[in-house]
């Protein structure tokens, strides 16, 4: 599996110059996406809607609104 491309603006383009906050979204060679975000599983796991679930190997991460909005144009429709 390889990272094919970044979706949206780089952290530097979004104003992260010191590396303290670097959320990012990448498209992978297998068609999936990888996300760098703030780990929030402990805080949000019990607050998931009743129709949502998380496997033991999955984590809940937070990315900034700006990260996702700026990636919108790069997210394929299908």
N, C-alpha and C. Protein backbone atom coordinates (compact mmCIF):
# COMPACT_ATOMS: atom_id res chain seq x y z
N UNK A 1 0.85 -1.17 0.00
CA UNK A 1 0.00 0.00 0.00
C UNK A 1 0.90 1.24 0.00
N UNK A 2 0.51 2.23 -0.81
CA UNK A 2 1.27 3.46 -0.91
C UNK A 2 0.34 4.66 -0.80
N UNK A 3 0.90 5.77 -0.37
CA UNK A 3 0.16 7.04 -0.39
C UNK A 3 0.27 7.59 -1.80
N UNK A 4 -0.88 7.79 -2.45
CA UNK A 4 -0.89 8.32 -3.80
C UNK A 4 -0.84 9.84 -3.84
N UNK A 5 -1.65 10.46 -2.96
CA UNK A 5 -1.71 11.92 -2.99
C UNK A 5 -2.36 12.47 -1.74
N UNK A 6 -2.10 13.71 -1.47
CA UNK A 6 -2.77 14.44 -0.40
C UNK A 6 -4.07 15.00 -0.96
N UNK A 7 -5.10 15.02 -0.16
CA UNK A 7 -6.35 15.68 -0.53
C UNK A 7 -6.40 17.02 0.18
N UNK A 8 -6.56 18.06 -0.57
CA UNK A 8 -6.64 19.40 0.01
C UNK A 8 -5.28 20.02 0.23
N UNK A 9 -5.28 21.06 1.01
CA UNK A 9 -4.07 21.85 1.27
C UNK A 9 -3.19 21.16 2.31
N UNK A 10 -1.89 21.37 2.19
CA UNK A 10 -0.95 20.82 3.17
C UNK A 10 -1.12 21.56 4.50
N UNK A 11 -0.66 20.97 5.60
CA UNK A 11 -0.72 21.67 6.88
C UNK A 11 -0.05 23.04 6.82
N UNK A 12 1.07 23.13 6.14
CA UNK A 12 1.76 24.42 6.02
C UNK A 12 0.88 25.46 5.31
N UNK A 13 0.18 25.03 4.25
CA UNK A 13 -0.71 25.94 3.53
C UNK A 13 -1.89 26.38 4.40
N UNK A 14 -2.23 25.56 5.39
CA UNK A 14 -3.32 25.91 6.31
C UNK A 14 -2.82 26.65 7.54
N UNK A 15 -1.52 26.97 7.56
CA UNK A 15 -1.00 27.79 8.65
C UNK A 15 -0.30 27.06 9.76
N UNK A 16 -0.09 25.74 9.63
CA UNK A 16 0.63 24.99 10.66
C UNK A 16 2.11 25.02 10.34
N UNK A 17 2.81 25.94 10.95
CA UNK A 17 4.23 26.12 10.67
C UNK A 17 5.13 25.41 11.68
N UNK A 18 4.57 25.01 12.83
CA UNK A 18 5.42 24.46 13.88
C UNK A 18 5.23 22.96 14.11
N UNK A 19 4.32 22.33 13.38
CA UNK A 19 4.12 20.89 13.53
C UNK A 19 3.24 20.49 14.70
N UNK A 20 2.69 21.45 15.43
CA UNK A 20 1.84 21.11 16.57
C UNK A 20 0.46 20.60 16.14
N UNK A 21 0.00 21.03 14.99
CA UNK A 21 -1.30 20.59 14.50
C UNK A 21 -1.21 20.35 13.01
N UNK A 22 -1.21 19.09 12.64
CA UNK A 22 -0.98 18.73 11.24
C UNK A 22 -2.00 17.74 10.71
N UNK A 23 -3.31 17.99 10.89
CA UNK A 23 -4.28 17.06 10.34
C UNK A 23 -4.09 16.98 8.82
N UNK A 24 -4.32 15.80 8.27
CA UNK A 24 -4.09 15.59 6.85
C UNK A 24 -4.95 14.43 6.36
N UNK A 25 -5.23 14.41 5.06
CA UNK A 25 -6.00 13.34 4.43
C UNK A 25 -5.23 12.88 3.20
N UNK A 26 -5.08 11.56 3.05
CA UNK A 26 -4.34 11.00 1.93
C UNK A 26 -5.16 9.92 1.24
N UNK A 27 -5.06 9.86 -0.09
CA UNK A 27 -5.64 8.76 -0.85
C UNK A 27 -4.58 7.68 -0.98
N UNK A 28 -4.98 6.43 -0.74
CA UNK A 28 -4.06 5.30 -0.77
C UNK A 28 -4.19 4.51 -2.08
N UNK A 29 -3.18 3.75 -2.40
CA UNK A 29 -3.15 2.99 -3.64
C UNK A 29 -4.24 1.92 -3.71
N UNK A 30 -4.77 1.49 -2.58
CA UNK A 30 -5.85 0.49 -2.60
C UNK A 30 -7.24 1.11 -2.68
N UNK A 31 -7.29 2.46 -2.84
CA UNK A 31 -8.57 3.16 -2.96
C UNK A 31 -9.11 3.69 -1.66
N UNK A 32 -8.53 3.31 -0.54
CA UNK A 32 -8.95 3.82 0.76
C UNK A 32 -8.29 5.15 1.05
N UNK A 33 -8.63 5.73 2.19
CA UNK A 33 -8.07 7.01 2.61
C UNK A 33 -7.47 6.87 4.00
N UNK A 34 -6.41 7.60 4.24
CA UNK A 34 -5.77 7.64 5.56
C UNK A 34 -5.91 9.06 6.09
N UNK A 35 -6.14 9.17 7.40
CA UNK A 35 -6.34 10.46 8.03
C UNK A 35 -5.38 10.61 9.19
N UNK A 36 -4.72 11.76 9.27
CA UNK A 36 -3.94 12.12 10.44
C UNK A 36 -4.79 13.12 11.22
N UNK A 37 -5.06 12.80 12.46
CA UNK A 37 -5.89 13.68 13.28
C UNK A 37 -5.59 13.47 14.75
N UNK A 38 -6.31 14.17 15.57
CA UNK A 38 -6.16 14.07 17.01
C UNK A 38 -6.95 12.87 17.51
N UNK A 39 -6.29 11.96 18.21
CA UNK A 39 -6.93 10.75 18.74
C UNK A 39 -7.98 11.16 19.77
N UNK A 40 -9.22 10.72 19.58
CA UNK A 40 -10.30 11.12 20.47
C UNK A 40 -11.22 9.95 20.83
N UNK A 41 -10.72 8.73 20.70
CA UNK A 41 -11.56 7.56 20.93
C UNK A 41 -12.14 7.54 22.35
N UNK A 42 -11.31 7.78 23.33
CA UNK A 42 -11.79 7.74 24.72
C UNK A 42 -12.89 8.77 24.97
N UNK A 43 -12.76 9.93 24.38
CA UNK A 43 -13.74 11.00 24.59
C UNK A 43 -15.05 10.79 23.83
N UNK A 44 -14.97 10.18 22.64
CA UNK A 44 -16.15 10.12 21.78
C UNK A 44 -16.78 8.74 21.65
N UNK A 45 -16.10 7.68 22.04
CA UNK A 45 -16.62 6.33 21.84
C UNK A 45 -18.00 6.14 22.44
N UNK A 46 -18.20 6.55 23.65
CA UNK A 46 -19.50 6.38 24.34
C UNK A 46 -20.56 7.34 23.82
N UNK A 47 -20.16 8.33 23.01
CA UNK A 47 -21.09 9.33 22.49
C UNK A 47 -21.51 9.05 21.05
N UNK A 48 -21.03 7.93 20.48
CA UNK A 48 -21.41 7.59 19.12
C UNK A 48 -22.92 7.35 19.05
N UNK A 49 -23.55 7.67 17.92
CA UNK A 49 -24.98 7.38 17.75
C UNK A 49 -25.22 5.87 17.87
N UNK A 50 -26.44 5.50 18.19
CA UNK A 50 -26.76 4.09 18.43
C UNK A 50 -26.56 3.22 17.18
N UNK A 51 -26.58 3.82 16.00
CA UNK A 51 -26.39 3.04 14.79
C UNK A 51 -24.94 3.08 14.27
N UNK A 52 -24.02 3.54 15.11
CA UNK A 52 -22.60 3.58 14.77
C UNK A 52 -21.84 2.60 15.66
N UNK A 53 -20.77 2.06 15.12
CA UNK A 53 -19.95 1.11 15.89
C UNK A 53 -18.50 1.30 15.52
N UNK A 54 -17.62 0.85 16.41
CA UNK A 54 -16.18 0.94 16.20
C UNK A 54 -15.56 -0.39 16.59
N UNK A 55 -14.80 -0.97 15.67
CA UNK A 55 -14.11 -2.22 15.97
C UNK A 55 -12.94 -1.93 16.92
N UNK A 56 -12.47 -2.95 17.62
CA UNK A 56 -11.36 -2.77 18.56
C UNK A 56 -10.11 -2.18 17.91
N UNK A 57 -9.90 -2.47 16.64
CA UNK A 57 -8.70 -1.97 15.95
C UNK A 57 -8.92 -0.58 15.33
N UNK A 58 -10.11 -0.02 15.44
CA UNK A 58 -10.40 1.31 14.88
C UNK A 58 -10.29 2.38 15.95
N UNK A 59 -9.93 3.57 15.52
CA UNK A 59 -9.83 4.72 16.41
C UNK A 59 -10.64 5.88 15.85
N UNK A 60 -11.15 6.70 16.72
CA UNK A 60 -11.85 7.92 16.32
C UNK A 60 -10.83 9.05 16.34
N UNK A 61 -10.72 9.74 15.22
CA UNK A 61 -9.79 10.87 15.16
C UNK A 61 -10.55 12.12 14.74
N UNK A 62 -10.04 13.25 15.17
CA UNK A 62 -10.64 14.54 14.83
C UNK A 62 -9.71 15.25 13.86
N UNK A 63 -10.30 15.78 12.79
CA UNK A 63 -9.57 16.67 11.91
C UNK A 63 -10.31 18.00 11.90
N UNK A 64 -9.61 19.05 11.62
CA UNK A 64 -10.26 20.37 11.63
C UNK A 64 -11.24 20.49 10.47
N UNK A 65 -12.21 21.32 10.66
CA UNK A 65 -13.19 21.61 9.59
C UNK A 65 -12.46 22.10 8.35
N UNK A 66 -11.48 22.99 8.54
CA UNK A 66 -10.74 23.54 7.41
C UNK A 66 -10.05 22.44 6.60
N UNK A 67 -9.50 21.43 7.28
CA UNK A 67 -8.83 20.33 6.59
C UNK A 67 -9.80 19.62 5.66
N UNK A 68 -10.98 19.29 6.14
CA UNK A 68 -11.95 18.57 5.31
C UNK A 68 -12.53 19.45 4.22
N UNK A 69 -12.86 20.69 4.55
CA UNK A 69 -13.45 21.59 3.56
C UNK A 69 -12.47 21.84 2.41
N UNK A 70 -11.19 22.01 2.75
CA UNK A 70 -10.20 22.26 1.70
C UNK A 70 -9.87 21.01 0.90
N UNK A 71 -10.22 19.83 1.42
CA UNK A 71 -10.02 18.58 0.70
C UNK A 71 -11.21 18.24 -0.20
N UNK A 72 -12.33 18.90 0.01
CA UNK A 72 -13.58 18.56 -0.68
C UNK A 72 -13.41 18.47 -2.19
N UNK A 73 -12.71 19.41 -2.79
CA UNK A 73 -12.55 19.42 -4.25
C UNK A 73 -11.73 18.22 -4.75
N UNK A 74 -10.92 17.63 -3.89
CA UNK A 74 -10.07 16.50 -4.28
C UNK A 74 -10.69 15.14 -4.00
N UNK A 75 -11.85 15.11 -3.34
CA UNK A 75 -12.49 13.84 -2.99
C UNK A 75 -13.30 13.37 -4.19
N UNK A 76 -13.00 12.18 -4.69
CA UNK A 76 -13.73 11.69 -5.88
C UNK A 76 -15.21 11.45 -5.58
N UNK A 77 -16.03 11.57 -6.61
CA UNK A 77 -17.47 11.32 -6.46
C UNK A 77 -17.78 9.83 -6.36
N UNK A 78 -16.93 9.01 -6.91
CA UNK A 78 -17.16 7.57 -6.85
C UNK A 78 -15.87 6.82 -6.60
